[in-house]
Protein backbone atom coordinates (compact mmCIF):
# COMPACT_ATOMS: atom_id res chain seq x y z
CA MET A 1 0.00 0.00 0.00
CA SER A 2 1.08 3.60 -0.51
CA LYS A 3 1.73 6.08 2.27
CA ASP A 4 -0.83 8.76 3.13
CA LEU A 5 -1.64 10.63 -0.07
CA VAL A 6 -2.51 14.31 -0.22
CA TYR A 7 -3.80 15.71 -3.49
CA LYS A 8 -5.54 19.07 -3.66
CA ASP A 9 -8.29 18.79 -1.00
CA LEU A 10 -8.19 14.97 -0.86
CA ILE A 11 -6.36 13.21 1.98
CA SER A 12 -6.02 9.47 2.54
CA PHE A 13 -5.44 8.53 6.20
CA HIS A 14 -3.87 5.11 6.66
CA PRO A 15 -5.08 3.03 9.66
CA GLY A 16 -1.43 2.38 10.45
CA ASN A 17 -1.46 5.87 11.99
CA TYR A 18 -3.87 4.62 14.66
CA VAL A 19 -1.74 1.52 15.29
CA SER A 20 1.31 3.76 15.75
CA GLU A 21 -0.60 5.91 18.29
CA ILE A 22 -1.66 2.80 20.24
CA VAL A 23 1.96 1.57 20.42
CA ASP A 24 3.05 5.01 21.66
CA ASP A 25 0.24 5.15 24.25
CA LEU A 26 1.27 1.73 25.59
CA ASN A 27 4.88 2.96 25.83
CA ILE A 28 6.24 -0.23 24.30
CA THR A 29 8.24 -1.11 21.20
CA GLN A 30 6.73 -2.29 17.94
CA ASP A 31 8.34 -5.69 18.53
CA GLU A 32 6.66 -6.07 21.93
CA PHE A 33 3.30 -4.97 20.52
CA ALA A 34 3.65 -7.52 17.72
CA ARG A 35 4.29 -10.30 20.27
CA ARG A 36 1.29 -9.22 22.34
CA ILE A 37 -1.16 -9.50 19.43
CA GLY A 38 0.52 -12.51 17.88
CA ILE A 39 1.80 -11.28 14.53
CA SER A 40 5.28 -10.69 13.17
CA SER A 41 7.25 -7.53 13.89
CA LYS A 42 7.67 -7.11 10.14
CA THR A 43 3.90 -7.01 9.61
CA ILE A 44 3.41 -4.37 12.32
CA SER A 45 6.27 -2.30 10.90
CA ARG A 46 4.82 -2.44 7.39
CA ILE A 47 1.36 -1.42 8.66
CA ILE A 48 2.75 1.50 10.67
CA ASN A 49 4.86 2.59 7.68
CA HIS A 50 1.76 2.41 5.42
CA GLU A 51 3.31 -0.34 3.32
CA ASP A 52 0.62 -2.93 4.10
CA GLY A 53 -3.06 -2.78 4.87
CA ILE A 54 -4.97 -4.37 7.73
CA SER A 55 -6.25 -7.82 6.79
CA PRO A 56 -9.29 -9.43 8.46
CA GLY A 57 -6.94 -11.67 10.47
CA THR A 58 -4.87 -8.72 11.69
CA ALA A 59 -8.06 -6.75 12.44
CA SER A 60 -9.27 -9.62 14.64
CA LYS A 61 -6.01 -9.66 16.63
CA LEU A 62 -5.98 -5.88 16.95
CA ALA A 63 -9.58 -5.96 18.22
CA THR A 64 -8.67 -8.46 20.93
CA VAL A 65 -5.91 -6.27 22.35
CA THR A 66 -7.26 -2.77 21.72
CA GLY A 67 -11.00 -3.21 22.29
CA VAL A 68 -11.67 -1.59 18.90
CA SER A 69 -13.99 -3.84 16.94
CA VAL A 70 -12.91 -5.90 13.94
CA GLN A 71 -15.42 -4.08 11.77
CA THR A 72 -14.05 -0.69 12.80
CA TRP A 73 -10.53 -1.69 11.74
CA LEU A 74 -11.82 -3.06 8.46
CA ASN A 75 -13.88 0.09 7.88
CA LEU A 76 -10.80 2.26 8.45
CA GLN A 77 -8.90 0.20 5.88
CA ALA A 78 -11.80 0.30 3.40
CA ARG A 79 -12.13 4.09 3.71
CA TYR A 80 -8.38 4.47 3.15
CA ASP A 81 -8.47 2.23 0.07
CA ALA A 82 -11.47 4.12 -1.32
CA LYS A 83 -9.78 7.50 -0.75
CA VAL A 84 -6.57 6.28 -2.45
CA GLN A 85 -8.64 5.21 -5.43
CA GLU A 86 -10.42 8.58 -5.48
CA ILE A 87 -7.08 10.38 -5.47
CA GLU A 88 -5.67 8.18 -8.21
CA ASN A 89 -8.78 8.80 -10.33
CA ALA A 90 -8.49 12.58 -9.79
CA GLN A 91 -4.80 12.49 -10.71
CA THR A 92 -5.57 10.46 -13.82
CA ASN A 93 -8.24 12.93 -14.94
CA ASP A 94 -5.92 15.85 -14.25
CA GLU A 95 -3.08 14.15 -16.11
CA ILE A 96 -5.29 13.71 -19.15
CA ALA A 97 -6.24 17.40 -19.01
CA VAL A 98 -2.59 18.42 -18.69
CA ALA A 99 -1.51 16.14 -21.55
CA ASN A 100 -4.23 17.63 -23.76
CA ASP A 101 -2.88 21.13 -23.01
CA ILE A 102 0.56 20.19 -24.39
CA ASP A 103 0.70 20.57 -28.16
CA THR A 104 1.55 17.26 -29.85
CA ALA A 105 2.49 18.90 -33.16
CA TYR A 106 5.10 20.99 -31.35
CA LEU A 107 6.54 17.88 -29.71
CA LYS A 108 6.84 16.20 -33.10
CA LYS A 109 8.33 19.25 -34.80
CA CYS A 110 11.05 19.45 -32.13
CA LYS A 111 11.71 15.70 -32.46
CA ILE A 112 10.58 15.03 -28.89
CA PHE A 113 7.86 12.70 -30.24
CA GLU A 114 8.05 10.47 -33.27
CA ASP A 115 5.88 11.49 -36.21
CA ARG A 116 3.02 9.08 -35.55
CA ARG A 117 -0.31 8.95 -33.77
CA TYR A 118 -0.29 8.69 -29.98
CA THR A 119 -3.12 7.51 -27.74
CA ILE A 120 -3.63 9.68 -24.69
CA ASN A 121 -2.02 7.01 -22.48
CA GLU A 122 0.98 6.76 -24.81
CA LYS A 123 1.34 10.54 -24.77
CA ILE A 124 1.19 10.63 -20.97
CA GLN A 125 3.79 7.88 -20.61
CA LYS A 126 6.13 9.56 -23.11
CA LEU A 127 5.78 12.98 -21.45
CA ARG A 128 6.48 11.49 -18.01
CA GLN A 129 9.67 9.99 -19.40
CA VAL A 130 10.81 13.10 -21.27
CA LEU A 131 9.96 15.59 -18.51
CA LYS A 132 11.11 13.31 -15.68
CA VAL A 133 7.95 13.61 -13.59
CA SER A 134 5.94 10.79 -12.04
CA ASN A 135 2.64 12.53 -12.69
CA LEU A 136 1.93 15.26 -15.25
CA SER A 137 -0.48 17.01 -12.86
CA LYS A 138 2.64 18.47 -11.19
CA LEU A 139 2.99 20.69 -14.28
CA ALA A 140 -0.21 22.51 -13.32
CA GLU A 141 1.48 23.92 -10.20
CA PHE A 142 3.26 27.28 -10.35
CA ASN A 143 6.92 26.64 -9.54
CA PRO A 144 8.15 29.13 -6.89
CA ALA A 145 11.77 27.99 -7.36
CA VAL A 146 11.83 29.62 -10.79
CA SER A 147 11.79 33.25 -11.86
CA TYR A 148 9.40 33.46 -14.82
CA ARG A 149 8.73 36.22 -17.29
CA ARG A 150 5.30 35.37 -18.59
CA VAL A 151 2.01 37.10 -19.31
CA LYS A 152 -1.03 36.40 -17.14
CA THR A 153 -4.10 35.50 -19.21
CA ASP A 154 -7.70 34.37 -18.87
CA HIS A 155 -6.40 30.87 -19.66
CA ASP A 156 -3.69 30.98 -17.01
CA ASP A 157 -4.04 27.30 -16.00
CA LYS A 158 -3.05 26.15 -19.47
CA SER A 159 -0.33 28.80 -19.67
CA ILE A 160 1.25 27.47 -16.45
CA VAL A 161 1.13 23.88 -17.74
CA VAL A 162 2.75 24.71 -21.07
CA SER A 163 5.26 27.14 -19.54
CA ASN A 164 6.33 24.46 -17.05
CA THR A 165 6.65 21.97 -19.90
CA MET A 166 9.04 24.32 -21.72
CA LEU A 167 10.93 24.93 -18.49
CA GLU A 168 11.39 21.19 -17.92
CA LEU A 169 12.64 20.74 -21.49
CA ALA A 170 15.13 23.57 -20.95
CA THR A 171 16.16 22.15 -17.56
CA ASN A 172 16.91 18.79 -19.16
CA GLU A 173 19.12 20.59 -21.67
CA ALA A 174 20.96 22.64 -19.08
CA ARG A 175 21.30 20.59 -15.92
CA ASN A 176 24.63 18.91 -16.76
CA LYS A 177 26.16 21.49 -19.09
CA SER A 178 28.11 23.34 -16.42
CA ASN A 179 29.63 22.62 -13.03
CA ILE A 180 30.73 26.24 -12.70
CA LYS A 181 29.02 28.19 -9.94
CA TYR A 182 27.40 31.42 -11.10
CA SER A 183 29.70 34.42 -10.58
CA LYS A 184 28.25 37.92 -10.48
CA GLU A 185 31.75 39.35 -10.71
CA LYS A 186 32.46 37.49 -13.95
CA LEU A 187 29.09 38.52 -15.38
CA GLU A 188 29.80 42.19 -14.65
CA GLN A 189 33.09 41.88 -16.53
CA LYS A 190 31.33 40.42 -19.58
CA LEU A 191 28.36 42.79 -19.86
CA SER A 192 29.96 45.21 -22.33
CA TYR A 193 30.99 42.31 -24.57
CA ILE A 194 27.49 40.83 -24.38
CA LYS A 195 26.01 44.15 -25.49
CA LYS A 196 28.24 44.25 -28.57
CA LEU A 197 26.90 40.85 -29.67
CA ASN A 198 23.52 42.42 -30.53
CA LEU A 199 25.17 43.85 -33.66
CA GLU A 200 25.88 40.39 -35.04
CA SER A 201 23.57 37.93 -36.80
CA PRO A 202 21.88 35.20 -34.68
CA GLY A 203 24.06 32.50 -36.23
CA SER A 204 27.11 34.45 -35.08
CA PHE A 205 26.06 35.90 -31.74
CA PHE A 206 24.26 32.90 -30.23
CA PRO A 207 27.26 30.52 -29.88
CA LYS A 208 29.40 33.42 -28.61
CA LEU A 209 26.73 34.35 -26.08
CA GLU A 210 26.44 30.71 -25.00
CA ASN A 211 30.18 30.47 -24.40
CA VAL A 212 30.62 33.76 -22.57
CA LEU A 213 27.69 33.00 -20.26
CA LEU A 214 29.04 29.51 -19.54
CA GLU A 215 32.21 31.19 -18.28
CA CYS A 216 29.99 32.99 -15.77
CA GLY A 217 28.19 29.79 -14.69
CA ILE A 218 25.08 30.55 -16.76
CA VAL A 219 23.65 28.00 -19.20
CA LEU A 220 21.77 29.64 -22.07
CA VAL A 221 18.92 27.66 -23.63
CA ALA A 222 16.67 28.92 -26.45
CA ILE A 223 13.38 27.15 -27.09
CA PRO A 224 10.68 27.79 -29.70
CA ASN A 225 7.50 29.06 -28.12
CA MET A 226 4.93 26.33 -27.49
CA PRO A 227 1.32 27.29 -28.30
CA GLY A 228 -0.42 28.54 -25.17
CA ALA A 229 2.75 29.13 -23.14
CA ARG A 230 3.06 32.93 -23.33
CA LEU A 231 6.50 32.47 -21.77
CA ASN A 232 9.21 34.96 -22.67
CA GLY A 233 11.95 33.66 -20.42
CA ALA A 234 12.87 32.12 -17.09
CA THR A 235 15.81 31.54 -14.78
CA LYS A 236 16.53 28.69 -12.41
CA ARG A 237 19.44 27.99 -10.09
CA PHE A 238 20.72 24.41 -9.97
CA LYS A 239 22.02 22.61 -6.89
CA ASN A 240 25.65 22.94 -8.09
CA GLY A 241 25.31 26.74 -8.25
CA SER A 242 25.08 27.05 -12.03
CA VAL A 243 22.09 28.91 -13.46
CA LEU A 244 19.70 28.26 -16.34
CA LEU A 245 18.72 31.20 -18.54
CA LEU A 246 15.85 30.26 -20.82
CA PHE A 247 14.43 32.50 -23.52
CA THR A 248 11.79 31.81 -26.15
CA ASP A 249 10.74 33.31 -29.44
CA ARG A 250 7.18 34.06 -28.33
CA ASN A 251 7.80 37.53 -29.75
CA LYS A 252 10.12 37.07 -32.71
CA TRP A 253 11.21 40.69 -33.12
CA ALA A 254 14.96 41.01 -32.50
CA ASP A 255 14.47 43.77 -29.94
CA ALA A 256 12.00 41.65 -27.95
CA ILE A 257 14.30 38.62 -27.91
CA TRP A 258 17.31 40.66 -26.85
CA PHE A 259 15.19 42.35 -24.20
CA SER A 260 14.06 38.94 -22.90
CA ILE A 261 17.65 37.68 -22.71
CA VAL A 262 18.92 40.72 -20.83
CA HIS A 263 15.78 40.91 -18.68
CA GLU A 264 16.58 37.39 -17.46
CA LEU A 265 20.21 38.43 -16.98
CA GLY A 266 18.81 41.16 -14.74
CA HIS A 267 17.07 38.56 -12.57
CA ILE A 268 20.33 36.61 -12.39
CA TYR A 269 22.38 39.75 -11.68
CA TYR A 270 20.09 40.60 -8.75
CA GLU A 271 20.03 36.90 -7.76
CA ASP A 272 16.26 36.79 -8.05
CA PHE A 273 15.56 33.10 -8.62
CA PHE A 274 12.12 32.77 -7.03
CA SER A 275 8.57 33.74 -7.96
CA ASP A 276 5.41 34.23 -5.95
CA TYR A 277 2.78 34.72 -8.60
CA ASP A 278 0.07 35.26 -5.97
CA ASP A 279 1.99 38.28 -4.66
CA GLN A 280 1.30 40.48 -7.67
CA GLU A 281 2.80 43.58 -6.08
CA GLY A 282 6.07 41.84 -5.29
CA TYR A 283 6.08 40.09 -8.66
CA LYS A 284 5.61 43.36 -10.54
CA LYS A 285 8.34 45.04 -8.48
CA LYS A 286 10.86 42.34 -9.44
CA GLU A 287 9.79 42.47 -13.08
CA LYS A 288 10.12 46.25 -13.17
CA LYS A 289 13.63 46.03 -11.72
CA ALA A 290 14.66 43.50 -14.40
CA ASP A 291 12.94 45.61 -17.09
CA GLU A 292 14.97 48.66 -16.06
CA PHE A 293 18.16 46.61 -16.09
CA ALA A 294 17.45 45.52 -19.67
CA ALA A 295 16.34 48.96 -20.89
CA ASN A 296 19.40 50.74 -19.44
CA PHE A 297 21.69 47.95 -20.62
CA PHE A 298 21.08 48.86 -24.26
CA ILE A 299 20.32 52.58 -24.12
CA ALA A 300 21.80 55.00 -21.59
CA PRO A 301 18.94 56.80 -19.78
CA ASN A 302 20.36 60.32 -20.23
CA ALA A 303 21.07 59.76 -23.92
CA TYR A 304 17.57 58.39 -24.41
CA SER A 305 15.99 61.38 -22.66
CA SER A 306 17.95 63.75 -24.92
CA PHE A 307 16.92 61.81 -28.02
CA ILE A 308 13.26 61.88 -26.99
CA GLY A 309 13.52 65.55 -26.12
CA ARG A 310 14.64 66.45 -29.62
CA GLY A 311 11.40 64.96 -30.92
CA ILE A 312 12.81 64.08 -34.35
CA PHE A 313 11.97 60.50 -35.27
CA THR A 314 13.01 59.66 -38.79
CA GLU A 315 14.71 56.63 -40.25
CA GLU A 316 17.97 58.57 -40.33
CA SER A 317 17.71 59.85 -36.75
CA ILE A 318 16.86 56.40 -35.41
CA ILE A 319 19.77 54.76 -37.24
CA ASN A 320 22.17 57.47 -36.07
CA PHE A 321 21.04 57.13 -32.46
CA ALA A 322 21.31 53.34 -32.68
CA ASN A 323 24.89 53.72 -33.91
CA GLU A 324 25.65 56.06 -31.01
CA MET A 325 24.30 53.51 -28.53
CA GLY A 326 26.00 50.55 -30.21
CA VAL A 327 22.76 48.70 -30.87
CA ILE A 328 20.77 47.56 -33.88
CA PRO A 329 18.01 49.97 -35.01
CA SER A 330 15.43 47.33 -34.07
CA ILE A 331 16.21 47.91 -30.38
CA VAL A 332 15.67 51.68 -30.67
CA VAL A 333 12.43 51.25 -32.62
CA GLY A 334 11.18 48.65 -30.15
CA ARG A 335 11.94 50.94 -27.21
CA LEU A 336 10.15 53.89 -28.84
CA GLN A 337 7.14 51.70 -29.60
CA SER A 338 7.05 50.23 -26.10
CA ASP A 339 7.21 53.72 -24.56
CA GLU A 340 4.41 54.84 -26.94
CA ILE A 341 6.62 57.53 -28.44
CA ILE A 342 5.86 56.15 -31.89
CA ASP A 343 3.11 53.86 -33.12
CA TYR A 344 3.68 50.12 -33.36
CA SER A 345 2.95 50.30 -37.08
CA THR A 346 5.81 52.72 -37.83
CA PHE A 347 9.47 52.08 -38.69
CA ASN A 348 9.04 48.31 -38.65
CA GLU A 349 11.19 48.23 -41.78
CA LEU A 350 14.10 48.94 -39.42
CA LYS A 351 13.26 45.91 -37.31
CA THR A 352 14.35 42.32 -37.85
CA LYS A 353 12.95 39.00 -36.67
CA TYR A 354 14.68 35.97 -35.18
CA LYS A 355 13.37 32.43 -34.99
CA VAL A 356 14.48 29.66 -32.63
CA LEU A 357 14.97 26.30 -34.32
CA LYS A 358 15.31 23.36 -31.94
CA ASN A 359 15.80 19.64 -32.29
CA PHE A 360 15.68 18.02 -28.86
CA ALA A 361 16.05 14.51 -30.29
CA CYS A 362 14.71 13.01 -27.06
C-alpha cells in the first residue's frame, strides 16, 4: 500500500497511523506490541509505515488487544483504500487534461515525439519519461523555485502547464552542461561584450553568447514558443550553483528577444531566482527592476531622454542614435514603440525578426 496521499483537498489517512498511536500510548516497542497481538514484527512495521493494509486476520487480533472492533478496523482500511482510489482517479483525470494542453504537433516538430499517432495514455507515458515527472499534474502547479517572465491571461491554468513543460525541457538541456558556480563578478566583466553581440547575426552571436555566459556559470537555452505558453523567459538555479537562462521566441522581433535575454540576466544579476505569482505587487516590483536593467543595458537613460527631447523621429535619426548607442536599429524602434513615443505600425522596416529552431532529439 502507498503512504498517506494528499492531493488538492483529498487526503487518505492510513489506519497504520492509529496503530502507531496505540503503540506510543502503551509505551512499548513495535516488537513487543507484535508479540502481544501474535503477529510478526515485520507485519506491524509495514502497517505503521503504510506499506501494508490491515487484513481481516490482523483486524481480529488488533480488536482483541485494543477493544476496537474488527469491523471498525476493516472500515478504516476500506475508507483508506477508497480515498486512495479517489485520489488516483483525480490524478488520472488531471493528467489527461494536462496532456491535452501540451501541443503534440510541437513535440513532433522538435523531435521530442516520433511522427506518428499517440493515444492519450501513450502521450502521458512519453511525457512522463521526457519531462522526468511521475505525474503530469505536477505541471499545473506554479513553480516558486523559478523566476518566470510570462504574461497572465484568462487561460492561465493552461499557460502554467505549457510554460512548465518548456521549463522542464530547458532544464533537461541545461542541468549537466556546467559545473561552474554562477559568478556575479564574472558577469559584470562580460556585460559590455554581451552588449556588442547584438550587432551580429543570430548565427554568429548565439554561440558566442552561450560560451561567454558559460564562463559565468550561466547555461543559455533557447526554445521555440509552445502554443499557449506565453512564456518569454525564465531563470533557475541548480544545486551545483550554475544557473539556467531560458528564452523563447514568443515575440520574434529582434528587440523583444534581446530584451528577454537581458531581462533574465537582470534577474540573475540581482540573484532573483524565485517567484510568488500570488503576490502580484512583489512580482511586478521584481519584473520592473529587471525591465529597467534591460532597458538601461542597451540605451543609456540620459542619452535616451535627450533623443526623446529632440522629438525628431526619422529613419535617419533612429539609425544614427542606434549607432551612437552601439545597438541595432530594431532595439531603438522597439523601445520607442514600447514607450508609446511612436506607433507600433511605424518604422518596422528597421526591425528584424529571429526564430528559434530546436531539435531536442529526445
